[in-house]
C-alpha atoms as a PDB file:
ATOM      1  CA  UNK A   1      12.414  15.749   4.444  1.00  0.00           C
ATOM      2  CA  UNK A   2       9.429  15.214   6.643  1.00  0.00           C
ATOM      3  CA  UNK A   3       6.744  12.767   5.620  1.00  0.00           C
ATOM      4  CA  UNK A   4       3.033  13.329   5.674  1.00  0.00           C
ATOM      5  CA  UNK A   5       0.711  11.872   8.259  1.00  0.00           C
ATOM      6  CA  UNK A   6      -1.386   8.954   6.957  1.00  0.00           C
ATOM      7  CA  UNK A   7      -4.814   7.819   8.003  1.00  0.00           C
ATOM      8  CA  UNK A   8      -3.035   5.100  10.031  1.00  0.00           C
ATOM      9  CA  UNK A   9      -1.443   7.568  12.443  1.00  0.00           C
ATOM     10  CA  UNK A  10       2.054   7.030  11.137  1.00  0.00           C
ATOM     11  CA  UNK A  11       4.276   9.341   9.137  1.00  0.00           C
ATOM     12  CA  UNK A  12       4.692   8.341   5.507  1.00  0.00           C
ATOM     13  CA  UNK A  13       8.039   8.615   3.723  1.00  0.00           C
ATOM     14  CA  UNK A  14       8.687   8.490  -0.039  1.00  0.00           C
ATOM     15  CA  UNK A  15      10.109   5.201  -1.264  1.00  0.00           C
ATOM     16  CA  UNK A  16      11.175   4.003  -4.653  1.00  0.00           C
ATOM     17  CA  UNK A  17      10.049   0.591  -6.047  1.00  0.00           C
ATOM     18  CA  UNK A  18      11.074  -1.162  -9.192  1.00  0.00           C
ATOM     19  CA  UNK A  19       8.181  -3.318 -10.439  1.00  0.00           C
ATOM     20  CA  UNK A  20       7.313  -5.235 -13.561  1.00  0.00           C
ATOM     21  CA  UNK A  21       4.322  -4.313 -15.725  1.00  0.00           C
ATOM     22  CA  UNK A  22       2.618  -7.468 -14.398  1.00  0.00           C
ATOM     23  CA  UNK A  23       2.975  -6.283 -10.785  1.00  0.00           C
ATOM     24  CA  UNK A  24       1.618  -2.836 -11.648  1.00  0.00           C
ATOM     25  CA  UNK A  25      -1.364  -4.408 -13.456  1.00  0.00           C
ATOM     26  CA  UNK A  26      -2.096  -6.572 -10.387  1.00  0.00           C
ATOM     27  CA  UNK A  27      -1.850  -3.543  -8.094  1.00  0.00           C
ATOM     28  CA  UNK A  28      -4.238  -1.601 -10.351  1.00  0.00           C
ATOM     29  CA  UNK A  29      -6.752  -4.501 -10.064  1.00  0.00           C
ATOM     30  CA  UNK A  30      -6.327  -4.463  -6.276  1.00  0.00           C
ATOM     31  CA  UNK A  31      -6.827  -0.724  -6.287  1.00  0.00           C
ATOM     32  CA  UNK A  32     -10.297  -1.188  -7.770  1.00  0.00           C
ATOM     33  CA  UNK A  33     -11.111  -4.127  -5.514  1.00  0.00           C
ATOM     34  CA  UNK A  34     -10.089  -2.314  -2.351  1.00  0.00           C
ATOM     35  CA  UNK A  35     -11.472   1.072  -3.286  1.00  0.00           C
ATOM     36  CA  UNK A  36      -7.978   2.503  -2.789  1.00  0.00           C
ATOM     37  CA  UNK A  37      -7.005   5.984  -3.957  1.00  0.00           C
ATOM     38  CA  UNK A  38      -3.443   5.166  -5.070  1.00  0.00           C
ATOM     39  CA  UNK A  39      -1.091   2.236  -5.550  1.00  0.00           C
ATOM     40  CA  UNK A  40       0.712   3.193  -2.310  1.00  0.00           C
ATOM     41  CA  UNK A  41      -2.704   3.006  -0.575  1.00  0.00           C
ATOM     42  CA  UNK A  42      -3.140  -0.486  -2.033  1.00  0.00           C
ATOM     43  CA  UNK A  43       0.179  -1.578  -0.500  1.00  0.00           C
ATOM     44  CA  UNK A  44      -0.756  -0.029   2.892  1.00  0.00           C
ATOM     45  CA  UNK A  45      -4.189  -1.756   2.873  1.00  0.00           C
ATOM     46  CA  UNK A  46      -2.702  -5.131   1.864  1.00  0.00           C
ATOM     47  CA  UNK A  47       0.001  -4.888   4.502  1.00  0.00           C
ATOM     48  CA  UNK A  48      -2.599  -4.265   7.192  1.00  0.00           C
ATOM     49  CA  UNK A  49      -5.101  -6.979   6.167  1.00  0.00           C
ATOM     50  CA  UNK A  50      -5.462  -9.547   8.965  1.00  0.00           C
ATOM     51  CA  UNK A  51      -3.514 -12.716   8.310  1.00  0.00           C
ATOM     52  CA  UNK A  52      -1.224 -11.159   5.670  1.00  0.00           C
ATOM     53  CA  UNK A  53       1.842 -10.837   7.867  1.00  0.00           C
ATOM     54  CA  UNK A  54       3.050 -11.845  11.290  1.00  0.00           C
ATOM     55  CA  UNK A  55       2.587  -8.533  12.988  1.00  0.00           C
ATOM     56  CA  UNK A  56      -1.179  -8.025  12.767  1.00  0.00           C
ATOM     57  CA  UNK A  57      -2.693 -11.314  13.447  1.00  0.00           C
END
């Protein structure tokens, strides 16, 4: 299965996550805060925020 191209220039692949209701509620809050279109977009945006991980500064 081929993934779709994202706005970040990388191919996206489907993944499965198992999350608590608390985690989903927090992601929904972040979705509004970030102006994201989906929960997967929230995760992408958070992963790419400066200072959030070792790979992007």
